[in-house]
Amino acid sequence: MKKIKAILDTNVIFSSLYSSKGASFQVIKLVYEGKAEIQISNTLCTEYEEILKSKADMLGSSI
C-alpha cells in the first residue's frame, strides 16, 4: 500500500494533542503507524513551534 503524503495545518497538530477523540488524532495515528508521511519545511516547523508554545497552557504542558 502506498503511503499517504500530507502537509498538516497547525490546527491539526494542536487538535491531535488536545484530544484523542477527533479526526486530527486519527491522522497523527496514521503517521505513527507508518501509513502516512508528513511533508514539512523549516518555515512550517517554525510555525508549529510558535503556535504550540503559545497554546502550551491549553495542553497542560510546558513546551
N, C-alpha and C. Protein backbone atom coordinates (compact mmCIF):
# COMPACT_ATOMS: atom_id res chain seq x y z
N MET A 1 0.84 -1.18 0.00
CA MET A 1 0.00 0.00 0.00
C MET A 1 0.89 1.25 0.00
N LYS A 2 0.53 2.22 -0.81
CA LYS A 2 1.29 3.46 -0.92
C LYS A 2 0.99 4.36 0.27
N LYS A 3 2.05 4.99 0.81
CA LYS A 3 1.88 5.90 1.94
C LYS A 3 1.19 7.19 1.50
N ILE A 4 0.33 7.69 2.36
CA ILE A 4 -0.29 8.99 2.16
C ILE A 4 0.74 10.04 2.51
N LYS A 5 0.89 11.07 1.68
CA LYS A 5 1.78 12.18 1.98
C LYS A 5 0.91 13.41 2.23
N ALA A 6 1.16 14.10 3.34
CA ALA A 6 0.30 15.22 3.70
C ALA A 6 1.09 16.37 4.32
N ILE A 7 0.58 17.56 4.10
CA ILE A 7 1.06 18.75 4.79
C ILE A 7 -0.02 19.09 5.79
N LEU A 8 0.33 19.11 7.06
CA LEU A 8 -0.67 19.31 8.11
C LEU A 8 -0.72 20.76 8.59
N ASP A 9 -1.91 21.29 8.63
CA ASP A 9 -2.14 22.61 9.19
C ASP A 9 -1.83 22.57 10.69
N THR A 10 -1.40 23.68 11.22
CA THR A 10 -1.07 23.77 12.64
C THR A 10 -2.25 23.36 13.52
N ASN A 11 -3.45 23.68 13.10
CA ASN A 11 -4.64 23.31 13.87
C ASN A 11 -4.81 21.79 13.99
N VAL A 12 -4.39 21.06 12.99
CA VAL A 12 -4.46 19.59 13.04
C VAL A 12 -3.50 19.07 14.10
N ILE A 13 -2.29 19.60 14.12
CA ILE A 13 -1.31 19.20 15.13
C ILE A 13 -1.83 19.51 16.53
N PHE A 14 -2.29 20.76 16.72
CA PHE A 14 -2.80 21.16 18.03
C PHE A 14 -3.98 20.29 18.45
N SER A 15 -4.94 20.12 17.57
CA SER A 15 -6.15 19.35 17.91
C SER A 15 -5.82 17.90 18.27
N SER A 16 -4.84 17.34 17.59
CA SER A 16 -4.46 15.95 17.89
C SER A 16 -3.81 15.83 19.26
N LEU A 17 -3.13 16.87 19.70
CA LEU A 17 -2.52 16.87 21.03
C LEU A 17 -3.56 17.18 22.11
N TYR A 18 -4.57 17.95 21.74
CA TYR A 18 -5.60 18.38 22.68
C TYR A 18 -6.59 17.25 23.00
N SER A 19 -6.93 16.45 21.99
CA SER A 19 -7.93 15.40 22.18
C SER A 19 -7.62 14.18 21.32
N SER A 20 -7.84 13.02 21.88
CA SER A 20 -7.63 11.78 21.13
C SER A 20 -8.94 11.26 20.52
N LYS A 21 -9.96 12.08 20.52
CA LYS A 21 -11.27 11.64 20.04
C LYS A 21 -11.63 12.13 18.64
N GLY A 22 -10.83 13.00 18.05
CA GLY A 22 -11.20 13.60 16.77
C GLY A 22 -10.44 13.06 15.57
N ALA A 23 -10.80 13.61 14.43
CA ALA A 23 -10.17 13.22 13.17
C ALA A 23 -8.68 13.59 13.13
N SER A 24 -8.33 14.70 13.77
CA SER A 24 -6.92 15.12 13.78
C SER A 24 -6.04 14.07 14.45
N PHE A 25 -6.52 13.51 15.53
CA PHE A 25 -5.78 12.46 16.22
C PHE A 25 -5.63 11.23 15.31
N GLN A 26 -6.67 10.91 14.57
CA GLN A 26 -6.62 9.76 13.66
C GLN A 26 -5.57 9.96 12.56
N VAL A 27 -5.43 11.19 12.09
CA VAL A 27 -4.40 11.50 11.09
C VAL A 27 -3.01 11.26 11.67
N ILE A 28 -2.78 11.76 12.88
CA ILE A 28 -1.48 11.56 13.53
C ILE A 28 -1.23 10.08 13.81
N LYS A 29 -2.28 9.37 14.13
CA LYS A 29 -2.16 7.92 14.36
C LYS A 29 -1.69 7.21 13.09
N LEU A 30 -2.19 7.64 11.93
CA LEU A 30 -1.74 7.07 10.66
C LEU A 30 -0.24 7.31 10.45
N VAL A 31 0.22 8.48 10.83
CA VAL A 31 1.65 8.79 10.72
C VAL A 31 2.45 7.86 11.64
N TYR A 32 1.99 7.74 12.89
CA TYR A 32 2.67 6.89 13.87
C TYR A 32 2.73 5.43 13.38
N GLU A 33 1.66 4.99 12.74
CA GLU A 33 1.59 3.60 12.25
C GLU A 33 2.35 3.39 10.94
N GLY A 34 2.91 4.47 10.39
CA GLY A 34 3.68 4.37 9.17
C GLY A 34 2.83 4.33 7.90
N LYS A 35 1.55 4.64 8.02
CA LYS A 35 0.65 4.62 6.87
C LYS A 35 0.58 5.98 6.17
N ALA A 36 1.09 7.00 6.82
CA ALA A 36 1.10 8.35 6.26
C ALA A 36 2.44 9.00 6.60
N GLU A 37 2.78 9.98 5.81
CA GLU A 37 4.04 10.70 6.00
C GLU A 37 3.77 12.20 5.94
N ILE A 38 4.29 12.93 6.92
CA ILE A 38 4.11 14.37 6.95
C ILE A 38 5.21 15.03 6.13
N GLN A 39 4.82 15.92 5.23
CA GLN A 39 5.76 16.73 4.46
C GLN A 39 5.90 18.05 5.21
N ILE A 40 7.12 18.46 5.48
CA ILE A 40 7.34 19.64 6.32
C ILE A 40 8.52 20.46 5.81
N SER A 41 8.44 21.75 6.03
CA SER A 41 9.54 22.66 5.68
C SER A 41 10.02 23.33 6.96
N ASN A 42 11.14 24.02 6.88
CA ASN A 42 11.63 24.77 8.04
C ASN A 42 10.63 25.83 8.49
N THR A 43 10.01 26.50 7.52
CA THR A 43 9.04 27.54 7.83
C THR A 43 7.84 26.96 8.56
N LEU A 44 7.34 25.82 8.09
CA LEU A 44 6.20 25.19 8.73
C LEU A 44 6.56 24.68 10.13
N CYS A 45 7.74 24.14 10.27
CA CYS A 45 8.20 23.67 11.58
C CYS A 45 8.26 24.82 12.57
N THR A 46 8.72 25.97 12.13
CA THR A 46 8.77 27.16 12.99
C THR A 46 7.37 27.59 13.38
N GLU A 47 6.43 27.54 12.42
CA GLU A 47 5.04 27.88 12.73
C GLU A 47 4.46 26.92 13.76
N TYR A 48 4.69 25.61 13.59
CA TYR A 48 4.22 24.63 14.57
C TYR A 48 4.73 25.00 15.95
N GLU A 49 6.03 25.26 16.03
CA GLU A 49 6.66 25.57 17.31
C GLU A 49 6.04 26.82 17.96
N GLU A 50 5.89 27.88 17.18
CA GLU A 50 5.35 29.14 17.72
C GLU A 50 3.92 28.95 18.23
N ILE A 51 3.09 28.31 17.45
CA ILE A 51 1.68 28.13 17.83
C ILE A 51 1.57 27.21 19.04
N LEU A 52 2.29 26.11 19.02
CA LEU A 52 2.19 25.16 20.13
C LEU A 52 2.74 25.75 21.44
N LYS A 53 3.79 26.55 21.34
CA LYS A 53 4.30 27.22 22.54
C LYS A 53 3.28 28.19 23.09
N SER A 54 2.59 28.90 22.20
CA SER A 54 1.60 29.89 22.65
C SER A 54 0.36 29.22 23.26
N LYS A 55 0.13 27.96 22.93
CA LYS A 55 -1.04 27.25 23.44
C LYS A 55 -0.67 26.15 24.44
N ALA A 56 0.57 26.17 24.92
CA ALA A 56 1.05 25.11 25.82
C ALA A 56 0.20 24.98 27.07
N ASP A 57 -0.30 26.11 27.59
CA ASP A 57 -1.12 26.06 28.80
C ASP A 57 -2.43 25.29 28.54
N MET A 58 -2.96 25.37 27.34
CA MET A 58 -4.18 24.64 26.99
C MET A 58 -3.93 23.13 26.92
N LEU A 59 -2.69 22.77 26.65
CA LEU A 59 -2.31 21.36 26.54
C LEU A 59 -1.82 20.81 27.88
N GLY A 60 -1.70 21.68 28.87
CA GLY A 60 -1.20 21.24 30.16
C GLY A 60 0.27 20.86 30.10
N SER A 61 1.02 21.62 29.30
CA SER A 61 2.43 21.30 29.08
C SER A 61 3.26 22.55 29.06
N SER A 62 4.53 22.35 29.24
CA SER A 62 5.48 23.49 29.11
C SER A 62 6.39 23.18 27.94
N ILE A 63 5.88 23.38 26.76
CA ILE A 63 6.63 23.10 25.51
C ILE A 63 7.73 24.12 25.38
